Structures are given as structure tokens and as C-alpha cells.
Protein backbone atom coordinates (compact mmCIF):
# COMPACT_ATOMS: atom_id res chain seq x y z
CA MET A 1 84.23 76.12 108.16
CA VAL A 2 86.13 78.07 110.84
CA VAL A 3 88.70 80.77 109.89
CA LEU A 4 91.20 82.05 112.42
CA PHE A 5 92.78 85.56 111.69
CA ASP A 6 94.61 88.17 113.58
CA ILE A 7 92.81 91.38 114.57
CA GLU A 8 95.95 92.92 115.83
CA LEU A 9 95.62 95.83 113.28
CA CYS A 10 92.11 95.17 112.03
CA SER A 11 90.56 97.69 114.15
CA LYS A 12 88.06 100.63 113.45
CA GLU A 13 90.65 103.31 114.06
CA ASN A 14 93.54 101.88 112.12
CA TRP A 15 91.62 100.97 108.78
CA ARG A 16 89.63 104.04 108.93
CA VAL A 17 92.64 106.20 109.01
CA GLY A 18 93.92 104.36 106.07
CA HIS A 19 96.56 102.02 107.55
CA LEU A 20 96.59 99.67 104.63
CA THR A 21 98.54 97.06 106.41
CA VAL A 22 95.18 96.16 107.83
CA LEU A 23 94.62 93.69 104.92
CA TYR A 24 98.08 92.17 105.63
CA SER A 25 97.08 91.65 109.27
CA LEU A 26 94.37 89.26 108.29
CA LEU A 27 96.97 86.76 107.61
CA ARG A 28 98.66 86.98 110.87
CA SER A 29 98.00 85.41 114.11
CA CYS A 30 98.82 87.32 117.20
CA LYS A 31 95.21 87.70 118.68
CA ARG A 32 92.90 84.99 117.35
CA ILE A 33 89.27 84.62 117.27
CA LYS A 34 86.93 82.08 115.61
CA LEU A 35 84.60 83.40 112.61
CA THR A 36 82.78 81.62 110.15
CA SER A 37 83.86 81.93 106.45
CA THR A 38 80.69 84.21 105.82
CA GLU A 39 81.59 86.58 108.71
CA PHE A 40 85.24 86.62 107.52
CA GLN A 41 84.14 87.61 104.20
CA ASP A 42 81.77 90.32 105.23
CA ILE A 43 84.43 91.95 107.43
CA LEU A 44 87.05 91.62 104.67
CA LEU A 45 84.55 92.97 102.02
CA ASN A 46 83.57 96.01 104.18
CA ILE A 47 87.16 97.11 104.68
CA VAL A 48 88.06 96.88 101.05
CA LEU A 49 84.94 98.77 99.93
CA HIS A 50 85.86 101.46 102.61
CA LEU A 51 89.33 101.71 101.42
CA THR A 52 88.58 101.69 97.74
CA SER A 53 86.00 104.38 98.16
CA PHE A 54 88.78 106.83 99.02
CA ASN A 55 91.04 105.36 96.49
CA SER A 56 91.59 108.67 94.57
CA GLY A 57 92.22 110.70 97.62
CA TYR A 58 94.80 108.07 98.96
CA PHE A 59 96.62 108.20 95.58
CA SER A 60 96.66 112.07 95.34
CA ALA A 61 97.99 112.18 99.10
CA PHE A 62 101.04 110.74 97.62
CA LEU A 63 101.63 113.25 94.99
CA ILE A 64 103.43 115.82 96.96
CA PRO A 65 105.57 118.59 95.29
CA SER A 66 108.71 120.05 96.61
CA ASP A 67 108.19 122.60 99.44
CA PHE A 68 110.03 124.52 102.08
CA ASP A 69 109.88 121.67 104.45
CA ASP A 70 111.70 119.30 102.12
CA THR A 71 114.24 122.02 101.15
CA PHE A 72 115.18 123.09 104.59
CA LEU A 73 115.54 119.54 105.67
CA ASN A 74 118.17 119.22 102.94
CA ILE A 75 119.80 122.23 104.04
CA GLY A 76 119.86 121.24 107.63
CA LEU A 77 121.40 118.08 106.32
CA GLY A 78 124.10 120.05 104.75
CA ALA A 79 124.71 121.87 108.03
CA LEU A 80 124.88 118.79 109.99
CA LEU A 81 127.39 117.23 107.32
CA LYS A 82 129.52 120.31 107.50
CA ASN A 83 129.91 120.22 111.28
CA THR A 84 130.88 116.51 111.16
CA ARG A 85 132.86 116.81 107.96
CA VAL A 86 136.02 115.73 109.62
CA SER A 87 134.42 112.25 110.32
CA PHE A 88 132.24 112.11 106.96
CA PRO A 89 134.40 114.05 104.27
CA THR A 90 132.96 112.13 101.39
CA LEU A 91 129.39 112.72 102.38
CA TYR A 92 129.86 116.31 102.82
CA ASN A 93 131.74 116.66 99.46
CA ILE A 94 128.80 114.99 97.78
CA TRP A 95 126.14 117.25 99.45
CA VAL A 96 128.18 120.43 98.48
CA LYS A 97 128.68 119.31 94.86
CA ASN A 98 124.75 118.50 94.37
CA ASN A 99 123.75 121.89 96.23
CA THR A 100 125.55 124.61 94.58
CA HIS A 101 122.85 127.20 94.75
CA TYR A 102 121.03 126.55 98.13
CA GLU A 103 121.16 130.39 98.84
CA THR A 104 118.15 130.62 96.70
CA ALA A 105 116.14 128.79 98.98
CA PHE A 106 116.45 131.68 101.45
CA ARG A 107 115.52 134.23 98.68
CA ASP A 108 112.56 132.31 97.72
CA LEU A 109 111.42 131.72 101.42
CA LYS A 110 111.17 135.44 101.68
CA LYS A 111 109.51 135.90 98.31
CA TYR A 112 106.78 133.29 98.83
CA ALA A 113 106.20 134.09 102.70
CA TYR A 114 102.71 134.83 103.86
CA ARG A 115 102.50 138.48 103.96
CA PRO A 116 98.82 139.27 105.05
CA MET A 117 99.36 142.96 105.11
CA ASN A 118 100.62 143.14 101.54
CA ILE A 119 98.14 144.21 98.74
CA ASP A 120 99.27 141.41 96.46
CA LEU A 121 97.05 138.57 96.47
CA ASP A 122 100.01 136.05 95.89
CA ALA A 123 101.41 137.41 99.12
CA ASN A 124 98.47 138.02 101.40
CA ALA A 125 96.27 135.00 100.42
CA ILE A 126 96.28 131.78 103.06
CA ASP A 127 94.58 128.58 103.49
CA THR A 128 91.10 129.12 105.00
CA ARG A 129 91.78 126.66 107.95
CA THR A 130 95.09 128.52 108.73
CA TYR A 131 93.43 131.94 108.92
CA TYR A 132 90.77 130.37 111.16
CA TYR A 133 93.16 129.72 114.03
CA LEU A 134 95.81 132.46 113.33
CA ARG A 135 93.31 135.46 112.88
CA GLY A 136 93.57 136.77 116.64
CA PHE A 137 97.38 137.27 116.03
CA LEU A 138 96.90 138.74 112.60
CA GLU A 139 94.23 141.11 113.86
CA GLU A 140 96.20 142.38 116.77
CA ALA A 141 99.28 142.79 114.49
CA LYS A 142 97.16 144.93 112.00
CA LYS A 143 95.71 147.01 115.05
CA ASN A 144 99.30 147.81 116.10
CA GLY A 145 100.58 148.63 112.63
CA GLN A 146 102.95 145.59 112.45
CA THR A 147 103.98 143.80 109.29
CA VAL A 148 103.90 140.17 109.39
CA SER A 149 105.85 137.81 107.26
CA LEU A 150 105.62 133.93 107.88
CA VAL A 151 106.73 130.80 106.45
CA THR A 152 103.43 128.88 105.68
CA THR A 153 103.95 125.40 106.77
CA TRP A 154 103.00 125.85 110.45
CA VAL A 155 102.77 128.59 112.88
CA SER A 156 101.51 127.59 116.38
CA ILE A 157 99.24 125.31 118.22
CA GLU A 158 95.78 126.34 119.71
CA ASP A 159 92.78 124.33 120.38
CA ARG A 160 92.82 123.06 116.86
CA PRO A 161 95.86 121.00 116.26
CA ASP A 162 94.43 119.35 113.25
CA LEU A 163 94.61 123.02 111.52
CA ALA A 164 97.71 124.34 113.32
CA LEU A 165 99.74 121.29 112.47
CA THR A 166 98.06 120.60 109.05
CA TYR A 167 100.35 117.93 108.01
CA TYR A 168 102.21 116.96 111.06
CA PRO A 169 99.89 115.64 113.61
CA SER A 170 102.37 114.88 116.41
CA ARG A 171 102.72 117.73 118.76
CA TYR A 172 105.59 116.09 120.56
CA SER A 173 107.55 116.10 117.14
CA PHE A 174 106.71 119.93 116.74
CA TYR A 175 107.87 120.75 120.24
CA TYR A 176 111.03 118.79 119.76
CA TYR A 177 111.94 120.29 116.32
CA VAL A 178 111.50 123.77 117.98
CA ALA A 179 113.58 122.78 120.98
CA ARG A 180 116.28 121.43 118.66
CA THR A 181 116.61 124.89 117.13
CA LEU A 182 116.93 126.35 120.82
CA PHE A 183 119.53 123.83 121.62
CA ILE A 184 121.76 124.89 118.74
CA LEU A 185 121.42 128.64 119.50
CA GLU A 186 121.82 128.16 123.38
CA THR A 187 124.91 125.95 122.85
CA GLN A 188 126.51 128.79 120.56
CA TYR A 189 125.61 131.27 122.95
CA VAL A 190 126.93 129.70 126.00
CA SER A 191 130.10 128.68 124.20
CA GLU A 192 130.90 132.25 122.42
CA GLY A 193 128.85 134.58 124.66
CA THR A 194 127.10 136.01 121.61
CA LEU A 195 125.34 135.04 118.33
CA PRO A 196 126.23 136.45 114.72
CA MET A 197 122.74 138.20 114.25
CA GLU A 198 120.63 140.04 116.68
CA ILE A 199 117.42 138.22 115.24
CA LEU A 200 119.09 134.88 116.47
CA ASN A 201 119.41 136.17 119.85
CA GLN A 202 115.78 137.42 119.89
CA THR A 203 114.79 133.97 118.71
CA ARG A 204 116.85 132.15 121.37
CA THR A 205 115.31 134.49 124.14
CA LYS A 206 111.58 133.90 122.99
CA PHE A 207 112.18 130.13 122.23
CA LYS A 208 113.61 129.80 125.56
CA ARG A 209 110.91 131.45 127.25
CA VAL A 210 108.19 129.50 125.71
CA LEU A 211 109.68 126.01 125.76
CA GLN A 212 110.91 126.25 129.30
CA GLY A 213 107.66 127.81 130.41
CA LYS A 214 104.37 126.66 129.08
CA ALA A 215 105.59 123.93 126.59
CA SER A 216 107.52 122.16 129.40
CA GLU A 217 104.60 122.48 131.94
CA MET A 218 102.16 121.18 129.28
CA ILE A 219 104.11 118.02 128.36
CA LEU A 220 104.94 117.44 131.94
CA SER A 221 101.14 117.38 132.65
CA GLU A 222 100.49 114.68 130.21
CA ALA A 223 103.14 112.12 131.50
CA ASN A 224 101.76 108.58 132.41
CA PRO A 225 103.22 106.84 135.43
CA ASP A 226 103.72 103.25 134.82
CA GLY A 227 105.54 101.28 137.34
CA ASP A 228 108.83 102.91 138.18
CA GLY A 229 108.83 104.76 134.82
CA LEU A 230 106.58 106.89 132.70
CA TYR A 231 105.51 107.28 129.08
CA PHE A 232 104.00 109.57 126.71
CA GLU A 233 101.34 108.98 124.05
CA GLU A 234 99.34 110.71 121.42
CA PHE A 235 96.34 108.99 119.41
CA LEU A 236 97.50 105.93 117.34
CA GLY A 237 95.77 102.83 118.55
CA ASN A 238 93.71 104.64 121.36
CA GLY A 239 90.59 104.69 119.48
CA ASP A 240 89.97 101.19 118.75
CA THR A 241 87.19 98.89 119.56
CA ASP A 242 86.92 95.19 119.37
CA PHE A 243 84.36 93.24 117.56
CA SER A 244 81.89 93.51 120.43
CA GLY A 245 82.25 97.35 120.52
CA ALA A 246 84.35 97.49 123.77
CA PRO A 247 87.02 100.28 123.64
CA MET A 248 90.59 99.22 123.37
CA LYS A 249 93.77 101.30 124.06
CA ARG A 250 96.72 99.89 122.18
CA GLY A 251 99.25 102.91 122.68
CA GLU A 252 100.80 102.27 119.42
CA ASP A 253 102.69 105.60 119.43
CA ARG A 254 103.91 105.30 123.08
CA LEU A 255 107.52 104.64 122.02
CA PHE A 256 107.58 107.29 119.42
CA SER A 257 106.09 109.96 121.63
CA THR A 258 108.20 109.01 124.73
CA SER A 259 111.47 109.22 122.50
CA MET A 260 110.15 112.67 121.33
CA ALA A 261 109.41 113.96 124.75
CA ILE A 262 112.83 112.92 126.12
CA ASN A 263 114.53 114.67 123.24
CA PHE A 264 112.38 117.72 123.78
CA TYR A 265 113.46 118.05 127.44
CA ILE A 266 117.15 117.60 126.86
CA ALA A 267 117.12 119.99 123.92
CA THR A 268 115.20 122.54 125.97
CA TRP A 269 117.06 122.39 129.25
CA ALA A 270 120.58 121.08 128.23
CA VAL A 271 123.50 122.53 126.36
CA GLN A 272 126.74 121.00 124.92
CA ASP A 273 130.31 121.76 125.60
CA LYS A 274 131.63 122.26 122.07
CA THR A 275 135.11 121.12 122.99
CA THR A 276 134.35 117.99 124.72
CA GLY A 277 130.88 117.17 123.41
CA LYS A 278 129.66 116.60 126.95
CA LEU A 279 126.18 117.50 127.53
CA TYR A 280 125.01 119.07 130.98
CA TRP A 281 121.74 120.52 132.33
CA THR A 282 121.65 124.31 132.33
CA GLU A 283 121.69 126.00 135.62
CA GLY A 284 118.28 126.24 137.28
CA THR A 285 116.82 123.12 135.43
CA PRO A 286 114.01 121.97 137.79
CA ASN A 287 114.50 118.60 139.50
CA ASP A 288 110.90 117.50 138.30
CA ILE A 289 112.18 117.95 134.68
CA LYS A 290 115.37 115.68 135.55
CA GLU A 291 113.09 113.20 137.09
CA VAL A 292 110.57 112.92 134.29
CA VAL A 293 113.46 112.29 131.77
CA GLU A 294 115.04 109.68 133.94
CA LYS A 295 111.68 107.72 134.25
CA ALA A 296 110.93 108.18 130.72
CA VAL A 297 114.34 106.72 129.65
CA LYS A 298 113.84 103.73 132.22
CA TRP A 299 110.36 103.09 130.59
CA LEU A 300 111.78 103.49 126.99
CA ASN A 301 114.68 101.33 127.56
CA THR A 302 112.30 98.55 129.13
CA TYR A 303 109.93 98.38 126.14
CA ILE A 304 111.74 99.46 122.90
CA LEU A 305 112.97 95.97 121.89
CA GLU A 306 109.85 94.17 123.23
CA ASP A 307 106.59 93.31 121.26
CA THR A 308 104.38 95.10 123.68
CA TYR A 309 103.82 98.17 121.70
CA LYS A 310 104.07 99.08 118.26
CA PRO A 311 106.90 101.51 117.06
CA PHE A 312 104.34 103.69 115.19
CA GLY A 313 104.35 107.51 114.97
CA ALA A 314 102.16 109.77 112.75
CA PHE A 315 105.12 111.97 111.69
CA PHE A 316 103.10 113.00 108.57
CA SER A 317 99.59 112.92 107.32
CA GLY A 318 97.04 114.02 104.86
CA SER A 319 95.62 117.65 105.55
CA PHE A 320 91.93 116.59 105.82
CA LYS A 321 91.13 114.97 109.13
CA GLY A 322 87.50 114.38 108.27
CA ALA A 323 84.74 116.94 107.79
CA GLU A 324 86.17 119.08 110.71
CA SER A 325 89.16 120.11 108.72
CA VAL A 326 87.79 120.59 105.01
CA PRO A 327 89.16 123.97 103.81
CA PHE A 328 85.87 124.62 101.95
CA TYR A 329 83.82 124.72 105.02
CA PHE A 330 85.73 127.57 106.44
CA PRO A 331 84.91 131.51 105.80
CA THR A 332 86.53 132.64 102.55
CA ASN A 333 86.67 135.88 100.80
CA HIS A 334 88.49 134.55 97.68
CA ILE A 335 87.40 132.12 95.26
CA GLU A 336 88.71 131.25 91.72
CA PHE A 337 88.99 128.77 89.00
CA LEU A 338 92.37 127.39 88.26
CA ASN A 339 92.38 129.57 85.11
CA GLY A 340 91.99 132.68 87.21
CA THR A 341 88.41 133.24 86.77
CA ILE A 342 87.16 135.03 90.02
CA LEU A 343 84.02 133.74 91.49
CA PRO A 344 81.58 135.20 94.00
CA SER A 345 82.75 134.65 97.80
CA ASN A 346 79.13 133.14 98.24
CA THR A 347 79.69 130.44 95.78
CA SER A 348 78.13 127.20 97.11
CA ILE A 349 78.53 124.73 94.19
CA PHE A 350 81.69 122.69 94.77
CA ASP A 351 84.21 122.16 91.77
CA ARG A 352 87.67 120.51 91.93
CA ASN A 353 88.96 123.17 89.63
CA ILE A 354 88.27 126.11 92.15
CA VAL A 355 90.80 127.54 94.60
CA ILE A 356 89.62 129.19 97.84
CA ALA A 357 91.53 131.43 100.38
CA MET A 358 91.46 134.19 102.84
CA SER A 359 93.01 137.51 101.40
CA GLY A 360 94.40 139.97 103.70
CA VAL A 361 93.08 140.62 107.41
CA ILE A 362 89.48 141.29 108.23
CA GLY A 363 88.00 142.34 111.49
CA GLU A 364 86.86 139.87 113.97
CA GLU A 365 83.08 141.00 113.77
CA GLU A 366 83.09 140.54 110.03
CA TYR A 367 84.79 137.01 110.50
CA GLU A 368 82.27 135.99 113.20
CA ASP A 369 79.37 137.03 110.87
CA LEU A 370 80.94 134.62 108.36
CA LEU A 371 80.95 131.88 110.85
CA LYS A 372 77.13 132.27 111.18
CA ILE A 373 76.41 131.20 107.60
CA THR A 374 77.10 128.01 105.41
CA HIS A 375 80.05 127.68 103.30
CA PHE A 376 79.44 125.20 100.32
CA GLY A 377 76.40 124.14 102.07
CA LYS A 378 78.18 123.53 105.64
CA MET A 379 78.52 125.35 108.68
CA THR A 380 82.11 125.89 109.87
CA PRO A 381 83.14 122.97 112.14
CA THR A 382 84.37 125.01 115.25
CA ASN A 383 85.27 122.02 117.45
CA PHE A 384 87.78 119.33 117.12
CA THR A 385 86.64 115.90 118.30
CA GLY A 386 89.98 114.30 117.98
CA TYR A 387 92.04 112.15 115.49
CA ASN A 388 90.30 109.02 116.58
CA ASP A 389 86.70 110.16 115.61
CA PRO A 390 85.11 107.40 113.68
CA ASN A 391 84.29 109.72 110.82
CA ALA A 392 87.94 111.14 110.66
CA VAL A 393 89.29 109.46 107.68
CA PHE A 394 92.80 110.29 106.76
CA PRO A 395 96.23 108.73 105.67
CA PHE A 396 99.26 108.93 107.89
CA TRP A 397 103.00 108.11 107.46
CA THR A 398 104.74 106.08 110.08
CA SER A 399 108.20 104.70 110.13
CA ASP A 400 109.58 102.00 112.49
CA ALA A 401 112.96 103.04 111.58
CA TYR A 402 112.31 106.75 112.69
CA THR A 403 111.17 105.58 116.03
CA TYR A 404 114.26 103.47 116.81
CA ALA A 405 116.34 106.31 115.49
CA ASN A 406 114.79 108.86 117.81
CA THR A 407 114.95 106.21 120.70
CA LEU A 408 118.66 105.76 120.20
CA LEU A 409 119.38 109.35 120.05
CA ALA A 410 117.25 109.93 123.30
CA LEU A 411 119.06 107.06 125.03
CA ALA A 412 122.63 108.31 123.88
CA LYS A 413 121.89 111.73 124.98
CA PHE A 414 120.84 110.61 128.37
CA GLN A 415 123.80 108.47 128.73
CA ASN A 416 125.92 111.42 127.71
CA LEU A 417 124.38 113.73 130.44
CA ASN A 418 125.00 111.06 133.07
CA SER A 419 128.37 110.01 132.20
């Protein structure tokens, strides 16, 4: 007996990161190969066993409580509806009716912010992985006698994007989100000549310097020419191998990444006339920025409705990206049971009922000493081998609709710029 089945999604990278549609893909017929029924059963069994072995982890990944991310997305939606309330009065009124105390979010944001210089453990403790990449900034602030208060979702990107973007692995998404804030501030500043608070102007100045400088240069260096266009990509589908072990590069997040890169550049270098709605490049926008946007739009317009590439994009993920990002393997100076019982910092027996953290700010020499010893039986993973490492198992969230919406936004903004 010979069985024909699709291996379009049945690849090492996809099923290892928990893309559960792999089982469905077995029933499809895009790329077909011949296998005996025994070979088919063996492959299917291995996939099922692998997925079920992480069953509890996958289910717990979906049990996500409310947090500042979700809260401020909701407030952002309210702000958007307020700005467009003439066009969508009913939707705006519904939002206002159901969000009567949104100011409490700002109060709680400050209350629960990460304040490493504070003596209160509830304020100065942070995830061990966050402290690992952020410690240089914290040590310098402490040395200069500066106070620090940070929202704890994400802070910056260094050599460890798996730690810095704990839940949001797409760097292009991150830079666009930051650039979108700059766009709002810059548009207001150009229109009114001022901003309502000095802190907003300081933020505008700093964001502008970073986004128009290093961020723009970095993304520009990652552009991939393709005919008379170009594209951007991250990691989905680029760690696959076929059944002979040969590498495969599917570029499954090219559409998503390219749309994000276009939106990033327009948000960073353009402003909007608040009267006419017209977008225009700010004075001094480099020609190579305009050119890369034009070529990226051309590539995206060519492929977005074709079947060449998948509209995938890892906009959200589990925090564990394999052994390299397990928080128990990073230096800690605070361990306790959920009931509050404090444990020695050299505790080595893992228990699901314990919590670990880094409290306060310690010197780099002391931290380096902690990097030389094991934590829960493991040395600290100081290198990131990439999201496509064969041992990096993690669930991620993708949405075709999100990719198409971002693309529509990118194409519409480009059309506005050139109308």
C-alpha cells in the first residue's frame, strides 16, 4: 500500500515549535511524496508522541491572565475610536460605556512598575532572564544615583531577543509599535508646535534619534533583494529540513515581516497633515529609505494574494524558547514557595511551587561569579542559537487576518504618500 500526503507543514521546524496544524497538513496535497503505510504511521506516531509529551505545557500557555499589554491595547483602541468618533459614534459610545474607570490603569501601571532601587521586594524583583540582559543599564543607573521605573513587559533588544522580547519574538513588530508612538507624537508636534507635557517631547526626541538612526540602519541592512523588489523575513519556515535532511527555506513570515518593515519606515520618517489626512515624508528623509519602501511595496503587492508564501507571523509566543531561556537556569538571589516560605538562593531541587527572581541590583563582579556556577543543576545559557534550533520547542500565535490587515495598512499608507 502506498500513501500520498502533504509535507508542506510537516517539517521539523513547524511541528517542533508546536504548530498543531501539522496533523491537518497530513491530509492535504500540495507537495506529495510516496511512503509506505508503515513509514507514514511511524512519522505520524512520532509527531503525536512529541506533541503530547508537551501537552500540559501547551495548555498552560493558553491560560494567560489580564496584564498591561491587553489593558493598554484596549485603551489604545479607545483613543483610536475617540479620534474617529465622527465616523464611528456607536462604537465609541460602546467603548466609553464599558470603560468607565480606565484611569485606574495608569495608577496601577505606576504601582506595579519594576523599581529595582526600591527596598520593597514586590517592587524590586524581576524575572531572572530580564535581569540578565538589562543588568548593564541597571548597574549604570545605580552608580549614577538614578531611579528607575519600568513597565515589565519588554524593555530593549540586545543580543538575546529571546529574552528581551520574551513573548513577542518578531523584532519588526516591536520596532513598528515603537515607531507608531513616534508617528503620533511627531504628527502632533509638527501640527501644533508643541506637546502637552515635557516628558512627551523628551520621548519624541529620544525615539526619533534611535528609530531614525540605529533602528533604520539595522532594518535596512536586512533587506533581501528579489527581482525589482525586496522583502524582509525573520525565522518561520527557515529552519526546515526535508525527509532527506536537506535544508529548506520556506520564508513563511516574509509577507508579515515585509508589511511590518514598510509600516515601520513610514511611521518613523513620515508625518500626517491633521487637516487633510495627507502623509508626507519629513524633510531630510534619506533616498535609500524611500527606495526600500517602494521596492518592499512592489514585492508585497506581487505576492500578498499569491500562494507562494504563507501569511504567518509569530506575533506572540510562549516565554520558553528551549533550554536557553528557562528562567531557573539564570542567576537568582530570591527563591520562595508560593506560600511565601523563603528558600536558600543555592536551592537546586526544582519544584513547580517555587518562584525565583532577581531582587535589587547587584554588582557585575558578583553577577559574573553567579554565572560561573550551576543553577538548578544547569549552567546559565549565555548564547542564543536562534528560534529554529532543533531543541527550541515553543508555541506561537499566528494570524492570517493580522498579516493581511498589516499589508492593507502598508499599501494604503504608501498610496497616500504618493497620491
